[in-house]
Amino acid sequence: MVAAFEVHAGTVDDARRCIEESYASHELHLLERAPLRFRLRQLATQRLTMARVSYGAEVELVGPPMLDYYHVNIPISGYTTVRQHSSAATSDPRTGISITPTEPVRVRWSPAAVQYPIKMPRVLFEEQLAALLGHAVQSPLTLAPAFSLASPAGRSLASCIEFVWSELDQPTAAAATSAGARQLESLLMTRILWVVPHSHSEELAGDHRPVRTSRIDDLIALIESHPEEDLSIATLAARAGVSARAVQLGFRRVTGVPPSTFVRNTRLDRVHASLLEGTGEPITDLAFHYGFGHLGRFAQQYRDRFGVLPSQTQRGNSSAGGHPASHRGE
């Protein structure tokens, strides 16, 4: 489920209260005589919080250690400077920042700064990394104070955040369901863990022992038996007891495609089969049931696989019985 709201505030106290309700207790200081023009648009699942935040004036936030949460800030415009005991970093549209949960923090915002602050529970974030690695990790993680958003990996993170934001911002999307929200949470945390340097980055990106074919076969059986469930790379890695990278390499070896492609194709096949059966279930309901939150993207993926739109299949168009490509290929 998704909780969404928007707040505008013109006083320091009102802006501070808004951030405290969504993120953490802190002091807020206005550093110039210009009026405060605070804006917050928040979209939160049961476990993650995202917001688009600006102050419209130069301000400084001073807070205690956040302890139970990791924070990553993705700038859209302007800049912010973050200072903690062990580090200092400045963000801009080409550079993101992370905040260590065990140290006090001071954050200075420029008047033009607009950012996506992302708040992730410490236990959940560390469990996500453990699932990707295939073993427990030592807490807390050490995150780099600054990371590039200009590199290919950084741009992929920025695109992922925009995608997750757009999905959460659609009240009729699959994100409105618990299963859909969990998939988006997993997607976002996995991308952050791949892009933001941390104490396990080298292990996460390194070479991994090959996973047995029998384990990949077990995962294939799981996907084909329960395609509507959370089948993120982290979930598959945890089920197999190996790293995410090992699962990716194993799927490419056995099926010829990444696990995400295999999962998507399986779900598309189930939608296709349901439409051919003529059960009368609405296309939107079928798409959401199988985790397709963006209907326009779903329709395009369906047409790419079957050569027709889902509505044509439902109407019994003579060309609608197209045969999909094998799972073991695009």
Protein backbone atom coordinates (compact mmCIF):
# COMPACT_ATOMS: atom_id res chain seq x y z
CA MET A 1 0.00 0.00 0.00
CA VAL A 2 1.13 3.57 -0.69
CA ALA A 3 0.63 6.65 1.47
CA ALA A 4 0.86 9.93 -0.45
CA PHE A 5 0.55 13.53 0.63
CA GLU A 6 1.84 17.00 -0.23
CA VAL A 7 2.71 19.87 2.12
CA HIS A 8 3.64 23.53 1.56
CA ALA A 9 5.00 25.52 4.51
CA GLY A 10 6.25 29.04 5.01
CA THR A 11 7.61 28.81 8.56
CA VAL A 12 10.63 27.00 9.96
CA ASP A 13 8.56 25.23 12.62
CA ASP A 14 6.03 23.90 10.13
CA ALA A 15 8.76 22.66 7.78
CA ARG A 16 10.65 21.02 10.64
CA ARG A 17 7.53 19.22 11.84
CA CYS A 18 6.84 17.89 8.36
CA ILE A 19 10.33 16.42 8.00
CA GLU A 20 10.26 15.01 11.52
CA GLU A 21 7.00 13.19 10.83
CA SER A 22 8.44 11.62 7.67
CA TYR A 23 12.15 11.22 8.39
CA ALA A 24 13.85 12.11 11.69
CA SER A 25 14.00 14.62 14.54
CA HIS A 26 16.28 17.59 13.89
CA GLU A 27 16.87 21.31 14.28
CA LEU A 28 16.15 23.54 11.28
CA HIS A 29 17.86 26.90 10.83
CA LEU A 30 17.05 29.49 8.17
CA LEU A 31 20.40 30.98 7.07
CA GLU A 32 19.17 33.97 5.07
CA ARG A 33 16.54 36.66 5.29
CA ALA A 34 14.63 35.34 2.28
CA PRO A 35 11.24 33.71 2.97
CA LEU A 36 11.06 29.95 3.37
CA ARG A 37 9.17 28.19 0.57
CA PHE A 38 9.14 24.60 1.81
CA ARG A 39 7.62 21.94 -0.46
CA LEU A 40 7.28 18.23 0.26
CA ARG A 41 5.57 15.61 -1.86
CA GLN A 42 5.82 12.21 -0.14
CA LEU A 43 5.12 8.72 -1.44
CA ALA A 44 5.70 5.95 1.09
CA THR A 45 5.13 2.23 1.22
CA GLN A 46 4.78 0.44 4.54
CA ARG A 47 8.58 0.14 4.74
CA LEU A 48 10.25 2.78 2.54
CA THR A 49 9.82 6.54 2.38
CA MET A 50 10.49 8.68 -0.69
CA ALA A 51 9.79 12.37 -1.07
CA ARG A 52 10.52 15.28 -3.37
CA VAL A 53 11.71 18.07 -1.06
CA SER A 54 12.79 21.71 -1.45
CA TYR A 55 13.11 24.63 0.97
CA GLY A 56 13.40 27.57 -1.45
CA ALA A 57 15.96 29.21 0.85
CA GLU A 58 19.34 28.44 2.35
CA VAL A 59 18.77 26.27 5.42
CA GLU A 60 20.71 23.90 7.65
CA LEU A 61 19.37 20.75 9.29
CA VAL A 62 21.15 19.44 12.40
CA GLY A 63 20.20 16.00 13.65
CA PRO A 64 21.31 13.14 15.92
CA PRO A 65 22.32 9.71 14.59
CA MET A 66 19.42 8.15 12.71
CA LEU A 67 20.35 4.70 14.08
CA ASP A 68 17.56 2.57 12.61
CA TYR A 69 17.58 3.94 9.06
CA TYR A 70 19.83 4.43 6.07
CA HIS A 71 19.30 7.58 4.02
CA VAL A 72 20.28 8.23 0.40
CA ASN A 73 19.60 11.61 -1.20
CA ILE A 74 19.27 11.98 -4.96
CA PRO A 75 19.48 15.63 -6.10
CA ILE A 76 17.40 17.05 -8.92
CA SER A 77 18.73 20.61 -8.83
CA GLY A 78 20.86 22.88 -6.64
CA TYR A 79 23.23 21.40 -4.09
CA THR A 80 23.44 20.26 -0.47
CA THR A 81 26.43 19.69 1.81
CA VAL A 82 26.38 16.86 4.36
CA ARG A 83 28.80 16.75 7.29
CA GLN A 84 29.26 13.89 9.72
CA HIS A 85 32.11 13.02 12.10
CA SER A 86 33.88 10.83 9.58
CA SER A 87 33.03 12.57 6.30
CA ALA A 88 31.79 15.58 4.36
CA ALA A 89 30.22 15.52 0.90
CA THR A 90 28.42 17.86 -1.47
CA SER A 91 25.63 16.75 -3.77
CA ASP A 92 24.54 18.19 -7.10
CA PRO A 93 22.62 16.72 -10.06
CA ARG A 94 25.70 14.64 -10.91
CA THR A 95 26.46 13.47 -7.36
CA GLY A 96 24.27 11.73 -4.79
CA ILE A 97 24.95 11.47 -1.06
CA SER A 98 24.36 8.91 1.67
CA ILE A 99 24.06 9.44 5.42
CA THR A 100 25.68 7.07 7.92
CA PRO A 101 23.07 6.01 10.53
CA THR A 102 25.49 5.92 13.48
CA GLU A 103 26.74 9.55 13.41
CA PRO A 104 25.15 12.99 13.94
CA VAL A 105 24.52 14.90 10.74
CA ARG A 106 24.44 18.48 9.47
CA VAL A 107 22.90 19.14 6.04
CA ARG A 108 23.00 22.54 4.36
CA TRP A 109 20.57 23.12 1.48
CA SER A 110 21.05 25.75 -1.19
CA PRO A 111 17.96 27.81 -2.14
CA ALA A 112 17.66 25.97 -5.48
CA ALA A 113 18.12 22.49 -4.02
CA VAL A 114 15.43 19.92 -4.85
CA GLN A 115 16.08 16.32 -3.82
CA TYR A 116 14.62 12.85 -3.43
CA PRO A 117 15.51 11.76 0.12
CA ILE A 118 15.06 7.99 0.44
CA LYS A 119 14.68 6.47 3.90
CA MET A 120 15.22 2.71 4.30
CA PRO A 121 14.94 0.72 7.54
CA ARG A 122 18.36 -0.53 8.54
CA VAL A 123 17.22 -4.13 9.10
CA LEU A 124 15.39 -4.27 5.77
CA PHE A 125 18.29 -2.77 3.80
CA GLU A 126 20.81 -5.15 5.36
CA GLU A 127 18.51 -8.12 4.74
CA GLN A 128 18.32 -7.09 1.08
CA LEU A 129 22.11 -7.09 0.82
CA ALA A 130 22.32 -10.43 2.63
CA ALA A 131 19.86 -11.90 0.11
CA LEU A 132 21.94 -10.56 -2.79
CA LEU A 133 25.17 -11.97 -1.32
CA GLY A 134 23.76 -15.25 -0.12
CA HIS A 135 24.95 -14.81 3.48
CA ALA A 136 24.45 -12.56 6.51
CA VAL A 137 26.32 -9.25 6.67
CA GLN A 138 27.87 -7.30 9.51
CA SER A 139 25.83 -4.31 10.67
CA PRO A 140 25.99 -1.44 10.05
CA LEU A 141 27.10 -1.09 6.44
CA THR A 142 29.60 1.60 5.61
CA LEU A 143 28.21 3.66 2.72
CA ALA A 144 30.33 6.06 0.69
CA PRO A 145 29.33 9.64 1.56
CA ALA A 146 29.12 10.60 -2.13
CA PHE A 147 28.58 8.66 -5.34
CA SER A 148 28.37 9.50 -9.03
CA LEU A 149 25.06 9.88 -10.81
CA ALA A 150 26.85 10.71 -14.08
CA SER A 151 28.25 7.22 -14.68
CA PRO A 152 26.17 4.60 -16.51
CA ALA A 153 25.43 2.91 -13.18
CA GLY A 154 24.52 6.24 -11.59
CA ARG A 155 22.19 7.12 -14.44
CA SER A 156 20.55 3.72 -14.05
CA LEU A 157 19.90 4.51 -10.38
CA ALA A 158 18.40 7.90 -11.26
CA SER A 159 16.17 6.22 -13.86
CA CYS A 160 15.15 3.55 -11.35
CA ILE A 161 14.15 6.21 -8.82
CA GLU A 162 12.06 8.05 -11.41
CA PHE A 163 10.41 4.75 -12.35
CA VAL A 164 9.61 3.80 -8.75
CA TRP A 165 8.34 7.32 -8.06
CA SER A 166 6.01 7.20 -11.07
CA GLU A 167 4.72 3.76 -10.04
CA LEU A 168 4.01 4.86 -6.47
CA ASP A 169 2.35 8.03 -7.74
CA GLN A 170 -0.32 6.08 -9.65
CA PRO A 171 -3.20 5.29 -7.30
CA THR A 172 -4.47 2.46 -9.51
CA ALA A 173 -1.06 0.87 -10.10
CA ALA A 174 0.05 -2.51 -8.81
CA ALA A 175 2.03 -0.60 -6.18
CA ALA A 176 -1.27 -0.15 -4.39
CA THR A 177 -1.04 -3.85 -3.45
CA SER A 178 1.34 -5.20 -0.83
CA ALA A 179 3.00 -7.54 -3.34
CA GLY A 180 3.50 -4.75 -5.87
CA ALA A 181 4.94 -2.42 -3.26
CA ARG A 182 7.38 -5.10 -2.08
CA GLN A 183 8.62 -5.59 -5.63
CA LEU A 184 9.28 -1.87 -5.98
CA GLU A 185 11.04 -1.76 -2.61
CA SER A 186 13.27 -4.64 -3.63
CA LEU A 187 14.03 -3.07 -7.01
CA LEU A 188 15.02 0.25 -5.47
CA MET A 189 17.15 -1.17 -2.67
CA THR A 190 18.92 -3.55 -5.03
CA ARG A 191 19.78 -0.73 -7.41
CA ILE A 192 21.08 1.42 -4.54
CA LEU A 193 23.24 -1.46 -3.30
CA TRP A 194 24.71 -1.95 -6.77
CA VAL A 195 25.44 1.75 -7.33
CA VAL A 196 26.34 3.30 -3.96
CA PRO A 197 29.81 2.09 -2.87
CA HIS A 198 29.71 0.30 0.47
CA SER A 199 31.64 -2.16 2.60
CA HIS A 200 30.44 -5.17 0.55
CA SER A 201 30.55 -3.65 -2.94
CA GLU A 202 33.61 -5.59 -4.06
CA GLU A 203 32.07 -8.87 -2.98
CA LEU A 204 28.72 -8.00 -4.59
CA ALA A 205 30.35 -7.24 -7.95
CA GLY A 206 33.06 -9.89 -7.82
CA ASP A 207 33.38 -13.34 -9.30
CA HIS A 208 31.08 -16.00 -7.87
CA ARG A 209 31.19 -19.77 -7.84
CA PRO A 210 28.88 -21.28 -10.44
CA VAL A 211 25.47 -22.29 -9.13
CA ARG A 212 24.39 -25.86 -9.80
CA THR A 213 21.97 -26.35 -12.68
CA SER A 214 19.61 -28.16 -10.31
CA ARG A 215 19.25 -24.97 -8.25
CA ILE A 216 18.39 -22.96 -11.35
CA ASP A 217 15.87 -25.64 -12.30
CA ASP A 218 14.32 -25.29 -8.83
CA LEU A 219 14.04 -21.52 -9.32
CA ILE A 220 12.46 -22.03 -12.73
CA ALA A 221 9.90 -24.35 -11.14
CA LEU A 222 9.19 -21.72 -8.47
CA ILE A 223 8.68 -19.00 -11.09
CA GLU A 224 6.40 -21.16 -13.20
CA SER A 225 4.39 -22.32 -10.17
CA HIS A 226 3.95 -18.90 -8.55
CA PRO A 227 4.58 -16.17 -11.16
CA GLU A 228 2.42 -13.70 -9.23
CA GLU A 229 4.71 -13.69 -6.17
CA ASP A 230 7.69 -11.47 -5.37
CA LEU A 231 10.37 -12.87 -7.68
CA SER A 232 13.00 -10.18 -7.41
CA ILE A 233 16.65 -11.12 -7.86
CA ALA A 234 17.13 -10.80 -4.10
CA THR A 235 14.25 -13.23 -3.45
CA LEU A 236 15.58 -15.75 -5.97
CA ALA A 237 19.11 -15.51 -4.56
CA ALA A 238 17.84 -16.06 -1.03
CA ARG A 239 15.80 -19.09 -2.11
CA ALA A 240 18.82 -20.62 -3.85
CA GLY A 241 21.22 -19.74 -1.03
CA VAL A 242 23.68 -18.10 -3.42
CA SER A 243 24.55 -14.56 -4.51
CA ALA A 244 22.46 -12.50 -6.92
CA ARG A 245 25.33 -12.51 -9.39
CA ALA A 246 25.46 -16.32 -9.28
CA VAL A 247 21.72 -16.47 -10.04
CA GLN A 248 22.12 -14.08 -12.96
CA LEU A 249 24.99 -16.08 -14.43
CA GLY A 250 23.15 -19.37 -13.83
CA PHE A 251 20.00 -18.18 -15.60
CA ARG A 252 21.98 -16.95 -18.58
CA ARG A 253 23.75 -20.31 -18.77
CA VAL A 254 20.58 -22.43 -18.47
CA THR A 255 17.91 -20.28 -20.16
CA GLY A 256 19.88 -17.81 -22.24
CA VAL A 257 18.21 -14.80 -20.59
CA PRO A 258 18.52 -12.94 -17.27
CA PRO A 259 16.16 -14.00 -14.46
CA SER A 260 14.18 -10.76 -14.78
CA THR A 261 13.44 -11.53 -18.43
CA PHE A 262 12.45 -15.10 -17.60
CA VAL A 263 10.07 -13.88 -14.89
CA ARG A 264 8.53 -11.26 -17.17
CA ASN A 265 8.04 -13.74 -20.00
CA THR A 266 6.41 -16.25 -17.65
CA ARG A 267 3.98 -13.62 -16.41
CA LEU A 268 3.18 -12.46 -19.94
CA ASP A 269 2.49 -16.08 -20.91
CA ARG A 270 0.05 -16.45 -18.02
CA VAL A 271 -1.82 -13.29 -19.02
CA HIS A 272 -1.90 -14.51 -22.62
CA ALA A 273 -3.24 -17.92 -21.62
CA SER A 274 -5.96 -16.36 -19.45
CA LEU A 275 -7.07 -14.10 -22.30
CA LEU A 276 -7.17 -17.03 -24.73
CA GLU A 277 -9.30 -19.00 -22.28
CA GLY A 278 -11.88 -16.21 -22.37
CA THR A 279 -12.39 -16.08 -18.61
CA GLY A 280 -13.70 -12.53 -18.91
CA GLU A 281 -11.28 -11.19 -16.31
CA PRO A 282 -10.37 -7.57 -17.15
CA ILE A 283 -6.96 -7.05 -18.70
CA THR A 284 -6.11 -4.47 -16.03
CA ASP A 285 -6.81 -6.97 -13.25
CA LEU A 286 -4.69 -9.63 -14.92
CA ALA A 287 -1.81 -7.22 -15.46
CA PHE A 288 -1.83 -6.04 -11.85
CA HIS A 289 -2.17 -9.60 -10.54
CA TYR A 290 1.06 -10.56 -12.29
CA GLY A 291 2.97 -7.47 -11.19
CA PHE A 292 2.67 -5.23 -14.25
CA GLY A 293 2.08 -1.85 -12.64
CA HIS A 294 2.46 0.33 -15.74
CA LEU A 295 -0.27 -0.61 -18.22
CA GLY A 296 1.28 1.15 -21.21
CA ARG A 297 4.59 -0.64 -20.67
CA PHE A 298 2.74 -3.94 -20.13
CA ALA A 299 0.85 -3.55 -23.43
CA GLN A 300 4.10 -2.90 -25.30
CA GLN A 301 5.85 -5.88 -23.73
CA TYR A 302 2.83 -8.06 -24.54
CA ARG A 303 2.88 -6.93 -28.18
CA ASP A 304 6.63 -7.49 -28.40
CA ARG A 305 6.14 -11.07 -27.23
CA PHE A 306 2.94 -12.03 -29.05
CA GLY A 307 2.72 -9.61 -31.97
CA VAL A 308 -0.65 -8.21 -30.89
CA LEU A 309 -2.10 -6.12 -28.09
CA PRO A 310 -3.79 -7.87 -25.15
CA SER A 311 -7.11 -6.32 -26.16
CA GLN A 312 -6.83 -8.06 -29.55
CA THR A 313 -6.26 -11.40 -27.87
CA GLN A 314 -9.26 -10.81 -25.62
CA ARG A 315 -11.49 -9.99 -28.57
CA GLY A 316 -10.49 -13.24 -30.25
CA ASN A 317 -8.80 -11.48 -33.18
CA SER A 318 -7.74 -14.09 -35.73
CA SER A 319 -4.14 -12.96 -35.40
CA ALA A 320 -4.25 -12.92 -31.62
CA GLY A 321 -3.12 -16.43 -30.98
CA GLY A 322 0.49 -15.55 -31.58
CA HIS A 323 3.04 -17.92 -30.15
CA PRO A 324 5.58 -16.51 -27.72
CA ALA A 325 9.28 -16.94 -28.04
CA SER A 326 10.70 -19.67 -25.84
CA HIS A 327 11.57 -18.75 -22.27
CA ARG A 328 15.10 -19.71 -23.17
CA GLY A 329 15.43 -16.73 -25.44
CA GLU A 330 13.84 -13.33 -26.01
